[in-house]
Amino acid sequence: MESILIVISALLVDNFLLTKLFGIESIFVASEKPSHAALYGGLVTGITVVSGTLILALYNGILVKTEMTSVVTFASVIIINTLICAVQLLSARVSKKAHSAVEATLPMVSGNCVILGAVLLCIEQSLSFGMSVLFLLSAGIGFTFTLFVFCSVQKRLENTLPAESFRGIPILLVSAGLAAMAFSGFYGISF
């Protein structure tokens, strides 16, 4: 039952993009096309799960035992950026087309605070290792889901003609506010 609550919490109730505003810049950049949203969301999800697992192992295995928990943020940034470099090198070996798409997206991923925020929330909430990995995966999927929602919102906004002062980013911010209000309706869910 706890695992179901963690998944629902990360996907809907505590959606990183809409309720915590982690990585909010992503709705302007990665939600233009579904393919961009899928690539960006997939990279964020994958890097969140892999780096988060490594960070949590480091935190529980070494930092807690040596009472050096204050360096977790520094260690996390190093691990995340090392993993991003590894993904870039791996994509270069796979194919040129994949490498160019990934290379254009990775700078945005490295600055996305969903990755670091999800790990720090796992530590703050004292989740077990298994529940933390589930939370990290659910947070990434929830982030990707929200990007697809905003991709749909942008498609609909292309077919409308808002007032001149609302065109572009302002109407997207209003849409984000309305979506955040809609997602806040999930706060009352209980099992």
N, C-alpha and C. Protein backbone atom coordinates (compact mmCIF):
# COMPACT_ATOMS: atom_id res chain seq x y z
N MET A 1 0.82 -1.19 0.00
CA MET A 1 0.00 0.00 0.00
C MET A 1 0.87 1.26 0.00
N GLU A 2 2.00 1.21 0.73
CA GLU A 2 2.88 2.36 0.77
C GLU A 2 3.46 2.68 -0.60
N SER A 3 3.75 1.65 -1.37
CA SER A 3 4.32 1.88 -2.70
C SER A 3 3.29 2.54 -3.62
N ILE A 4 2.04 2.17 -3.50
CA ILE A 4 0.99 2.80 -4.32
C ILE A 4 0.86 4.27 -3.96
N LEU A 5 0.92 4.58 -2.67
CA LEU A 5 0.83 5.98 -2.25
C LEU A 5 2.02 6.79 -2.73
N ILE A 6 3.20 6.19 -2.74
CA ILE A 6 4.39 6.90 -3.22
C ILE A 6 4.27 7.19 -4.71
N VAL A 7 3.79 6.22 -5.47
CA VAL A 7 3.64 6.41 -6.92
C VAL A 7 2.60 7.50 -7.20
N ILE A 8 1.45 7.43 -6.56
CA ILE A 8 0.41 8.44 -6.78
C ILE A 8 0.89 9.81 -6.33
N SER A 9 1.60 9.85 -5.23
CA SER A 9 2.13 11.12 -4.73
C SER A 9 3.09 11.74 -5.73
N ALA A 10 4.04 10.96 -6.22
CA ALA A 10 5.04 11.51 -7.15
C ALA A 10 4.44 11.87 -8.50
N LEU A 11 3.45 11.09 -8.96
CA LEU A 11 2.85 11.35 -10.27
C LEU A 11 1.89 12.53 -10.24
N LEU A 12 1.04 12.59 -9.24
CA LEU A 12 -0.05 13.55 -9.27
C LEU A 12 0.00 14.59 -8.15
N VAL A 13 0.00 14.13 -6.91
CA VAL A 13 -0.16 15.05 -5.78
C VAL A 13 1.03 15.98 -5.65
N ASP A 14 2.22 15.43 -5.62
CA ASP A 14 3.43 16.23 -5.49
C ASP A 14 4.19 16.29 -6.81
N ASN A 15 3.49 16.53 -7.89
CA ASN A 15 4.11 16.60 -9.20
C ASN A 15 5.19 17.68 -9.17
N PHE A 16 6.40 17.30 -9.53
CA PHE A 16 7.54 18.19 -9.40
C PHE A 16 7.40 19.45 -10.23
N LEU A 17 6.82 19.35 -11.39
CA LEU A 17 6.74 20.50 -12.28
C LEU A 17 5.64 21.47 -11.85
N LEU A 18 4.52 20.95 -11.39
CA LEU A 18 3.38 21.82 -11.12
C LEU A 18 3.22 22.23 -9.66
N THR A 19 3.56 21.37 -8.72
CA THR A 19 3.36 21.74 -7.32
C THR A 19 4.63 22.20 -6.64
N LYS A 20 5.77 21.69 -7.06
CA LYS A 20 7.04 22.10 -6.45
C LYS A 20 7.82 23.07 -7.33
N LEU A 21 7.40 23.21 -8.57
CA LEU A 21 8.03 24.10 -9.56
C LEU A 21 9.49 23.75 -9.83
N PHE A 22 9.83 22.46 -9.69
CA PHE A 22 11.17 22.00 -10.05
C PHE A 22 11.22 21.85 -11.56
N GLY A 23 12.14 22.50 -12.20
CA GLY A 23 12.30 22.38 -13.64
C GLY A 23 11.20 23.06 -14.44
N ILE A 24 10.65 24.13 -13.92
CA ILE A 24 9.52 24.81 -14.57
C ILE A 24 9.90 25.37 -15.94
N GLU A 25 11.19 25.64 -16.14
CA GLU A 25 11.62 26.15 -17.45
C GLU A 25 11.39 25.14 -18.56
N SER A 26 11.20 23.89 -18.18
CA SER A 26 11.02 22.82 -19.17
C SER A 26 9.75 22.99 -19.99
N ILE A 27 8.73 23.59 -19.40
CA ILE A 27 7.49 23.73 -20.16
C ILE A 27 7.63 24.71 -21.32
N PHE A 28 8.62 25.58 -21.26
CA PHE A 28 8.82 26.52 -22.35
C PHE A 28 9.68 25.92 -23.46
N VAL A 29 10.56 25.02 -23.09
CA VAL A 29 11.55 24.51 -24.03
C VAL A 29 11.18 23.15 -24.59
N ALA A 30 10.83 22.23 -23.72
CA ALA A 30 10.70 20.83 -24.12
C ALA A 30 9.28 20.43 -24.50
N SER A 31 8.34 21.34 -24.40
CA SER A 31 6.97 20.94 -24.71
C SER A 31 6.49 21.46 -26.06
N GLU A 32 7.42 21.81 -26.93
CA GLU A 32 7.03 22.30 -28.25
C GLU A 32 6.51 21.18 -29.14
N LYS A 33 7.17 20.04 -29.11
CA LYS A 33 6.78 18.88 -29.90
C LYS A 33 6.75 17.66 -28.99
N PRO A 34 5.89 16.69 -29.29
CA PRO A 34 5.88 15.46 -28.47
C PRO A 34 7.22 14.72 -28.48
N SER A 35 7.94 14.78 -29.60
CA SER A 35 9.24 14.10 -29.65
C SER A 35 10.25 14.76 -28.71
N HIS A 36 10.21 16.10 -28.62
CA HIS A 36 11.09 16.80 -27.68
C HIS A 36 10.72 16.46 -26.24
N ALA A 37 9.42 16.43 -25.97
CA ALA A 37 8.96 16.11 -24.62
C ALA A 37 9.36 14.69 -24.24
N ALA A 38 9.25 13.76 -25.17
CA ALA A 38 9.61 12.36 -24.89
C ALA A 38 11.10 12.22 -24.64
N LEU A 39 11.92 12.86 -25.46
CA LEU A 39 13.37 12.77 -25.29
C LEU A 39 13.80 13.43 -23.98
N TYR A 40 13.32 14.63 -23.75
CA TYR A 40 13.70 15.36 -22.54
C TYR A 40 13.20 14.65 -21.29
N GLY A 41 11.95 14.24 -21.31
CA GLY A 41 11.40 13.52 -20.16
C GLY A 41 12.07 12.19 -19.93
N GLY A 42 12.38 11.49 -21.00
CA GLY A 42 13.08 10.21 -20.87
C GLY A 42 14.47 10.36 -20.30
N LEU A 43 15.19 11.38 -20.77
CA LEU A 43 16.53 11.62 -20.24
C LEU A 43 16.48 12.03 -18.77
N VAL A 44 15.54 12.90 -18.42
CA VAL A 44 15.41 13.31 -17.02
C VAL A 44 15.04 12.12 -16.15
N THR A 45 14.10 11.29 -16.62
CA THR A 45 13.68 10.12 -15.84
C THR A 45 14.84 9.15 -15.66
N GLY A 46 15.52 8.82 -16.75
CA GLY A 46 16.63 7.88 -16.67
C GLY A 46 17.75 8.37 -15.78
N ILE A 47 18.13 9.62 -15.95
CA ILE A 47 19.22 10.17 -15.15
C ILE A 47 18.79 10.31 -13.69
N THR A 48 17.53 10.63 -13.45
CA THR A 48 17.03 10.72 -12.08
C THR A 48 17.13 9.37 -11.39
N VAL A 49 16.69 8.31 -12.06
CA VAL A 49 16.71 6.98 -11.44
C VAL A 49 18.14 6.49 -11.22
N VAL A 50 18.98 6.57 -12.24
CA VAL A 50 20.34 6.03 -12.13
C VAL A 50 21.18 6.85 -11.15
N SER A 51 21.19 8.17 -11.34
CA SER A 51 22.01 8.99 -10.44
C SER A 51 21.44 8.99 -9.03
N GLY A 52 20.12 8.98 -8.92
CA GLY A 52 19.51 8.93 -7.59
C GLY A 52 19.85 7.67 -6.84
N THR A 53 19.86 6.55 -7.56
CA THR A 53 20.24 5.28 -6.94
C THR A 53 21.69 5.32 -6.47
N LEU A 54 22.58 5.86 -7.31
CA LEU A 54 23.99 5.98 -6.92
C LEU A 54 24.17 6.93 -5.73
N ILE A 55 23.47 8.04 -5.76
CA ILE A 55 23.58 9.02 -4.68
C ILE A 55 23.06 8.44 -3.36
N LEU A 56 21.93 7.76 -3.42
CA LEU A 56 21.38 7.17 -2.20
C LEU A 56 22.28 6.07 -1.65
N ALA A 57 22.89 5.29 -2.54
CA ALA A 57 23.84 4.27 -2.09
C ALA A 57 25.04 4.93 -1.42
N LEU A 58 25.56 6.00 -2.01
CA LEU A 58 26.67 6.73 -1.42
C LEU A 58 26.27 7.34 -0.08
N TYR A 59 25.09 7.92 -0.05
CA TYR A 59 24.61 8.58 1.18
C TYR A 59 24.45 7.56 2.31
N ASN A 60 23.73 6.48 2.04
CA ASN A 60 23.49 5.48 3.09
C ASN A 60 24.72 4.65 3.41
N GLY A 61 25.54 4.38 2.40
CA GLY A 61 26.70 3.51 2.61
C GLY A 61 27.91 4.21 3.20
N ILE A 62 28.12 5.47 2.84
CA ILE A 62 29.35 6.13 3.26
C ILE A 62 29.08 7.40 4.06
N LEU A 63 28.27 8.31 3.52
CA LEU A 63 28.13 9.62 4.14
C LEU A 63 27.47 9.57 5.52
N VAL A 64 26.49 8.73 5.72
CA VAL A 64 25.84 8.61 7.02
C VAL A 64 26.80 7.98 8.03
N LYS A 65 27.51 6.95 7.61
CA LYS A 65 28.43 6.24 8.52
C LYS A 65 29.61 7.10 8.93
N THR A 66 30.07 7.97 8.03
CA THR A 66 31.20 8.84 8.36
C THR A 66 30.75 10.21 8.86
N GLU A 67 29.46 10.38 9.03
CA GLU A 67 28.86 11.63 9.51
C GLU A 67 29.25 12.82 8.64
N MET A 68 29.24 12.61 7.34
CA MET A 68 29.54 13.67 6.38
C MET A 68 28.33 13.97 5.50
N THR A 69 27.15 13.96 6.09
CA THR A 69 25.92 14.13 5.31
C THR A 69 25.79 15.53 4.72
N SER A 70 26.57 16.48 5.21
CA SER A 70 26.46 17.84 4.69
C SER A 70 27.01 17.98 3.28
N VAL A 71 27.77 17.02 2.80
CA VAL A 71 28.34 17.11 1.45
C VAL A 71 27.48 16.39 0.41
N VAL A 72 26.27 16.00 0.79
CA VAL A 72 25.43 15.23 -0.13
C VAL A 72 25.09 16.03 -1.39
N THR A 73 24.85 17.32 -1.26
CA THR A 73 24.51 18.12 -2.43
C THR A 73 25.70 18.22 -3.38
N PHE A 74 26.86 18.46 -2.85
CA PHE A 74 28.08 18.54 -3.66
C PHE A 74 28.34 17.21 -4.37
N ALA A 75 28.25 16.12 -3.63
CA ALA A 75 28.45 14.78 -4.21
C ALA A 75 27.39 14.49 -5.26
N SER A 76 26.17 14.93 -5.02
CA SER A 76 25.08 14.69 -5.97
C SER A 76 25.33 15.40 -7.29
N VAL A 77 25.76 16.63 -7.22
CA VAL A 77 26.04 17.40 -8.45
C VAL A 77 27.15 16.73 -9.25
N ILE A 78 28.18 16.24 -8.57
CA ILE A 78 29.27 15.56 -9.26
C ILE A 78 28.76 14.28 -9.93
N ILE A 79 27.97 13.49 -9.22
CA ILE A 79 27.45 12.24 -9.77
C ILE A 79 26.52 12.51 -10.95
N ILE A 80 25.64 13.48 -10.82
CA ILE A 80 24.68 13.79 -11.89
C ILE A 80 25.43 14.25 -13.15
N ASN A 81 26.37 15.14 -13.00
CA ASN A 81 27.10 15.64 -14.17
C ASN A 81 28.01 14.59 -14.78
N THR A 82 28.56 13.71 -13.95
CA THR A 82 29.36 12.60 -14.49
C THR A 82 28.48 11.67 -15.31
N LEU A 83 27.29 11.38 -14.81
CA LEU A 83 26.36 10.53 -15.55
C LEU A 83 25.92 11.19 -16.86
N ILE A 84 25.70 12.48 -16.84
CA ILE A 84 25.32 13.20 -18.06
C ILE A 84 26.44 13.12 -19.09
N CYS A 85 27.68 13.26 -18.66
CA CYS A 85 28.82 13.12 -19.58
C CYS A 85 28.88 11.70 -20.14
N ALA A 86 28.60 10.71 -19.30
CA ALA A 86 28.61 9.32 -19.77
C ALA A 86 27.52 9.09 -20.80
N VAL A 87 26.34 9.67 -20.59
CA VAL A 87 25.25 9.54 -21.56
C VAL A 87 25.64 10.19 -22.88
N GLN A 88 26.30 11.32 -22.81
CA GLN A 88 26.74 12.01 -24.02
C GLN A 88 27.76 11.18 -24.79
N LEU A 89 28.71 10.60 -24.09
CA LEU A 89 29.70 9.76 -24.76
C LEU A 89 29.08 8.49 -25.33
N LEU A 90 28.15 7.91 -24.60
CA LEU A 90 27.47 6.70 -25.07
C LEU A 90 26.62 6.98 -26.30
N SER A 91 25.94 8.12 -26.31
CA SER A 91 25.10 8.45 -27.47
C SER A 91 25.96 8.70 -28.71
N ALA A 92 27.17 9.21 -28.52
CA ALA A 92 28.07 9.45 -29.65
C ALA A 92 28.49 8.13 -30.28
N ARG A 93 28.59 7.09 -29.49
CA ARG A 93 28.99 5.78 -30.02
C ARG A 93 27.82 5.03 -30.66
N VAL A 94 26.59 5.36 -30.26
CA VAL A 94 25.43 4.64 -30.78
C VAL A 94 25.10 5.08 -32.20
N SER A 95 24.82 6.37 -32.38
CA SER A 95 24.53 6.87 -33.73
C SER A 95 24.68 8.39 -33.75
N LYS A 96 24.95 8.90 -34.93
CA LYS A 96 25.12 10.35 -35.09
C LYS A 96 23.82 11.09 -34.85
N LYS A 97 22.71 10.53 -35.34
CA LYS A 97 21.41 11.19 -35.19
C LYS A 97 21.01 11.25 -33.72
N ALA A 98 21.19 10.14 -33.01
CA ALA A 98 20.87 10.12 -31.58
C ALA A 98 21.77 11.07 -30.81
N HIS A 99 23.02 11.12 -31.20
CA HIS A 99 23.97 11.99 -30.50
C HIS A 99 23.61 13.46 -30.67
N SER A 100 23.21 13.87 -31.86
CA SER A 100 22.86 15.28 -32.06
C SER A 100 21.62 15.67 -31.27
N ALA A 101 20.63 14.77 -31.19
CA ALA A 101 19.43 15.07 -30.41
C ALA A 101 19.73 15.11 -28.92
N VAL A 102 20.50 14.14 -28.46
CA VAL A 102 20.84 14.07 -27.04
C VAL A 102 21.75 15.23 -26.65
N GLU A 103 22.71 15.54 -27.52
CA GLU A 103 23.65 16.61 -27.22
C GLU A 103 22.95 17.97 -27.10
N ALA A 104 21.90 18.18 -27.88
CA ALA A 104 21.15 19.43 -27.79
C ALA A 104 20.31 19.50 -26.52
N THR A 105 19.93 18.35 -25.98
CA THR A 105 19.04 18.30 -24.83
C THR A 105 19.80 18.24 -23.50
N LEU A 106 20.98 17.64 -23.47
CA LEU A 106 21.70 17.41 -22.22
C LEU A 106 22.05 18.68 -21.43
N PRO A 107 22.37 19.81 -22.05
CA PRO A 107 22.62 21.00 -21.22
C PRO A 107 21.41 21.41 -20.39
N MET A 108 20.21 21.25 -20.96
CA MET A 108 19.01 21.56 -20.19
C MET A 108 18.80 20.55 -19.08
N VAL A 109 19.12 19.29 -19.35
CA VAL A 109 18.94 18.24 -18.35
C VAL A 109 19.89 18.47 -17.18
N SER A 110 21.11 18.90 -17.46
CA SER A 110 22.09 19.09 -16.38
C SER A 110 21.67 20.19 -15.42
N GLY A 111 20.91 21.14 -15.89
CA GLY A 111 20.44 22.21 -15.02
C GLY A 111 19.06 21.97 -14.45
N ASN A 112 18.47 20.82 -14.74
CA ASN A 112 17.12 20.54 -14.27
C ASN A 112 17.16 20.11 -12.81
N CYS A 113 16.43 20.82 -11.98
CA CYS A 113 16.48 20.55 -10.55
C CYS A 113 15.56 19.41 -10.12
N VAL A 114 14.83 18.79 -11.05
CA VAL A 114 14.03 17.61 -10.71
C VAL A 114 14.95 16.49 -10.25
N ILE A 115 16.07 16.36 -10.90
CA ILE A 115 17.00 15.26 -10.61
C ILE A 115 17.52 15.38 -9.18
N LEU A 116 18.07 16.52 -8.85
CA LEU A 116 18.61 16.73 -7.51
C LEU A 116 17.50 16.82 -6.47
N GLY A 117 16.41 17.49 -6.81
CA GLY A 117 15.31 17.65 -5.86
C GLY A 117 14.68 16.34 -5.45
N ALA A 118 14.53 15.43 -6.40
CA ALA A 118 13.93 14.13 -6.08
C ALA A 118 14.80 13.35 -5.11
N VAL A 119 16.10 13.38 -5.31
CA VAL A 119 17.01 12.66 -4.42
C VAL A 119 16.99 13.27 -3.03
N LEU A 120 17.05 14.58 -2.96
CA LEU A 120 17.05 15.24 -1.65
C LEU A 120 15.73 15.03 -0.91
N LEU A 121 14.62 14.95 -1.65
CA LEU A 121 13.34 14.65 -0.99
C LEU A 121 13.31 13.23 -0.45
N CYS A 122 13.91 12.29 -1.16
CA CYS A 122 14.01 10.91 -0.65
C CYS A 122 14.78 10.88 0.66
N ILE A 123 15.86 11.62 0.71
CA ILE A 123 16.67 11.67 1.93
C ILE A 123 15.91 12.37 3.04
N GLU A 124 15.26 13.47 2.72
CA GLU A 124 14.52 14.24 3.72
C GLU A 124 13.36 13.44 4.32
N GLN A 125 12.69 12.65 3.47
CA GLN A 125 11.54 11.87 3.94
C GLN A 125 11.94 10.53 4.54
N SER A 126 13.24 10.25 4.56
CA SER A 126 13.78 8.99 5.12
C SER A 126 13.11 7.76 4.52
N LEU A 127 12.97 7.76 3.21
CA LEU A 127 12.39 6.60 2.52
C LEU A 127 13.42 5.47 2.48
N SER A 128 12.93 4.23 2.48
CA SER A 128 13.83 3.10 2.33
C SER A 128 14.42 3.13 0.91
N PHE A 129 15.46 2.33 0.70
CA PHE A 129 16.13 2.35 -0.60
C PHE A 129 15.18 1.97 -1.73
N GLY A 130 14.40 0.91 -1.54
CA GLY A 130 13.46 0.46 -2.57
C GLY A 130 12.38 1.48 -2.84
N MET A 131 11.83 2.07 -1.78
CA MET A 131 10.80 3.10 -1.95
C MET A 131 11.38 4.36 -2.59
N SER A 132 12.65 4.65 -2.30
CA SER A 132 13.30 5.81 -2.91
C SER A 132 13.44 5.63 -4.42
N VAL A 133 13.84 4.43 -4.84
CA VAL A 133 13.98 4.17 -6.27
C VAL A 133 12.61 4.26 -6.95
N LEU A 134 11.58 3.74 -6.30
CA LEU A 134 10.22 3.84 -6.84
C LEU A 134 9.78 5.30 -6.92
N PHE A 135 10.10 6.08 -5.90
CA PHE A 135 9.77 7.50 -5.90
C PHE A 135 10.49 8.23 -7.02
N LEU A 136 11.78 7.93 -7.22
CA LEU A 136 12.56 8.57 -8.28
C LEU A 136 11.98 8.26 -9.66
N LEU A 137 11.62 7.00 -9.87
CA LEU A 137 11.02 6.60 -11.15
C LEU A 137 9.67 7.28 -11.35
N SER A 138 8.85 7.30 -10.32
CA SER A 138 7.53 7.93 -10.43
C SER A 138 7.64 9.44 -10.63
N ALA A 139 8.62 10.07 -9.99
CA ALA A 139 8.81 11.51 -10.17
C ALA A 139 9.21 11.83 -11.61
N GLY A 140 10.08 11.01 -12.19
CA GLY A 140 10.47 11.21 -13.59
C GLY A 140 9.32 10.99 -14.55
N ILE A 141 8.52 9.96 -14.29
CA ILE A 141 7.36 9.69 -15.15
C ILE A 141 6.34 10.80 -15.01
N GLY A 142 6.13 11.29 -13.80
CA GLY A 142 5.21 12.41 -13.59
C GLY A 142 5.68 13.67 -14.30
N PHE A 143 6.99 13.90 -14.29
CA PHE A 143 7.57 15.04 -15.00
C PHE A 143 7.33 14.91 -16.50
N THR A 144 7.57 13.71 -17.03
CA THR A 144 7.37 13.47 -18.46
C THR A 144 5.89 13.62 -18.83
N PHE A 145 5.02 13.09 -18.00
CA PHE A 145 3.57 13.22 -18.22
C PHE A 145 3.16 14.69 -18.30
N THR A 146 3.71 15.50 -17.40
CA THR A 146 3.37 16.92 -17.39
C THR A 146 3.89 17.61 -18.64
N LEU A 147 5.06 17.21 -19.13
CA LEU A 147 5.57 17.78 -20.38
C LEU A 147 4.63 17.46 -21.54
N PHE A 148 4.10 16.22 -21.58
CA PHE A 148 3.14 15.87 -22.63
C PHE A 148 1.85 16.67 -22.50
N VAL A 149 1.41 16.93 -21.27
CA VAL A 149 0.22 17.75 -21.06
C VAL A 149 0.46 19.14 -21.64
N PHE A 150 1.63 19.71 -21.36
CA PHE A 150 1.91 21.05 -21.87
C PHE A 150 2.17 21.06 -23.37
N CYS A 151 2.59 19.95 -23.91
CA CYS A 151 2.72 19.84 -25.36
C CYS A 151 1.33 19.97 -25.98
N SER A 152 0.37 19.30 -25.37
CA SER A 152 -1.02 19.38 -25.84
C SER A 152 -1.57 20.79 -25.65
N VAL A 153 -1.24 21.41 -24.53
CA VAL A 153 -1.70 22.78 -24.27
C VAL A 153 -1.14 23.73 -25.33
N GLN A 154 0.13 23.58 -25.67
CA GLN A 154 0.72 24.46 -26.69
C GLN A 154 0.08 24.25 -28.06
N LYS A 155 -0.26 23.00 -28.38
CA LYS A 155 -0.94 22.74 -29.66
C LYS A 155 -2.29 23.44 -29.69
N ARG A 156 -3.01 23.37 -28.58
CA ARG A 156 -4.32 24.04 -28.52
C ARG A 156 -4.18 25.56 -28.59
N LEU A 157 -3.14 26.09 -27.96
CA LEU A 157 -2.94 27.53 -27.96
C LEU A 157 -2.57 28.05 -29.34
N GLU A 158 -1.97 27.20 -30.17
CA GLU A 158 -1.65 27.61 -31.54
C GLU A 158 -2.92 27.85 -32.36
N ASN A 159 -4.00 27.18 -32.00
CA ASN A 159 -5.26 27.30 -32.74
C ASN A 159 -6.16 28.39 -32.18
N THR A 160 -5.72 29.06 -31.13
CA THR A 160 -6.52 30.13 -30.55
C THR A 160 -5.84 31.46 -30.79
N LEU A 161 -6.55 32.49 -30.56
CA LEU A 161 -5.99 33.83 -30.74
C LEU A 161 -6.24 34.62 -29.45
N PRO A 162 -5.33 34.47 -28.46
CA PRO A 162 -5.51 35.23 -27.22
C PRO A 162 -5.22 36.71 -27.45
N ALA A 163 -5.53 37.52 -26.47
CA ALA A 163 -5.24 38.95 -26.55
C ALA A 163 -3.74 39.15 -26.77
N GLU A 164 -3.39 40.23 -27.37
CA GLU A 164 -1.99 40.51 -27.73
C GLU A 164 -1.06 40.41 -26.51
N SER A 165 -1.50 40.91 -25.37
CA SER A 165 -0.64 40.90 -24.19
C SER A 165 -0.45 39.50 -23.60
N PHE A 166 -1.29 38.54 -23.99
CA PHE A 166 -1.19 37.18 -23.47
C PHE A 166 -0.49 36.21 -24.41
N ARG A 167 -0.13 36.63 -25.59
CA ARG A 167 0.48 35.71 -26.54
C ARG A 167 1.88 35.28 -26.09
N GLY A 168 2.20 34.03 -26.38
CA GLY A 168 3.52 33.50 -26.06
C GLY A 168 3.62 32.99 -24.63
N ILE A 169 4.64 33.46 -23.94
CA ILE A 169 4.92 32.97 -22.59
C ILE A 169 3.81 33.32 -21.59
N PRO A 170 3.21 34.51 -21.62
CA PRO A 170 2.18 34.80 -20.62
C PRO A 170 1.01 33.80 -20.62
N ILE A 171 0.51 33.43 -21.78
CA ILE A 171 -0.60 32.48 -21.81
C ILE A 171 -0.15 31.10 -21.37
N LEU A 172 1.10 30.77 -21.61
CA LEU A 172 1.64 29.50 -21.14
C LEU A 172 1.75 29.49 -19.62
N LEU A 173 2.13 30.61 -19.04
CA LEU A 173 2.19 30.70 -17.58
C LEU A 173 0.80 30.63 -16.96
N VAL A 174 -0.17 31.26 -17.58
CA VAL A 174 -1.55 31.16 -17.10
C VAL A 174 -2.02 29.71 -17.18
N SER A 175 -1.69 29.05 -18.28
CA SER A 175 -2.05 27.63 -18.43
C SER A 175 -1.37 26.78 -17.37
N ALA A 176 -0.12 27.09 -17.06
CA ALA A 176 0.59 26.34 -16.02
C ALA A 176 -0.08 26.54 -14.66
N GLY A 177 -0.50 27.75 -14.40
CA GLY A 177 -1.21 28.02 -13.14
C GLY A 177 -2.52 27.25 -13.05
N LEU A 178 -3.26 27.21 -14.15
CA LEU A 178 -4.51 26.45 -14.16
C LEU A 178 -4.27 24.95 -14.02
N ALA A 179 -3.22 24.45 -14.67
CA ALA A 179 -2.89 23.04 -14.53
C ALA A 179 -2.46 22.72 -13.10
N ALA A 180 -1.70 23.62 -12.48
CA ALA A 180 -1.28 23.42 -11.09
C ALA A 180 -2.50 23.40 -10.17
N MET A 181 -3.47 24.25 -10.44
CA MET A 181 -4.70 24.24 -9.64
C MET A 181 -5.45 22.93 -9.83
N ALA A 182 -5.47 22.43 -11.05
CA ALA A 182 -6.15 21.16 -11.32
C ALA A 182 -5.45 20.01 -10.60
N PHE A 183 -4.13 20.00 -10.62
CA PHE A 183 -3.38 18.95 -9.94
C PHE A 183 -3.51 19.05 -8.42
N SER A 184 -3.76 20.26 -7.90
CA SER A 184 -3.91 20.40 -6.45
C SER A 184 -5.20 19.74 -5.98
N GLY A 185 -6.10 19.44 -6.89
CA GLY A 185 -7.31 18.71 -6.53
C GLY A 185 -7.04 17.29 -6.07
N PHE A 186 -5.84 16.78 -6.36
CA PHE A 186 -5.48 15.43 -5.93
C PHE A 186 -5.04 15.38 -4.46
N TYR A 187 -4.89 16.53 -3.80
CA TYR A 187 -4.42 16.55 -2.42
C TYR A 187 -5.36 15.79 -1.47
N GLY A 188 -6.60 15.71 -1.78
CA GLY A 188 -7.56 15.07 -0.87
C GLY A 188 -7.65 13.55 -1.02
N ILE A 189 -6.85 12.96 -1.89
CA ILE A 189 -6.93 11.51 -2.10
C ILE A 189 -6.46 10.78 -0.86
N SER A 190 -7.25 9.83 -0.42
CA SER A 190 -6.84 8.97 0.70
C SER A 190 -7.32 7.56 0.45
N PHE A 191 -6.61 6.61 0.99
CA PHE A 191 -6.94 5.20 0.78
C PHE A 191 -7.32 4.57 2.09
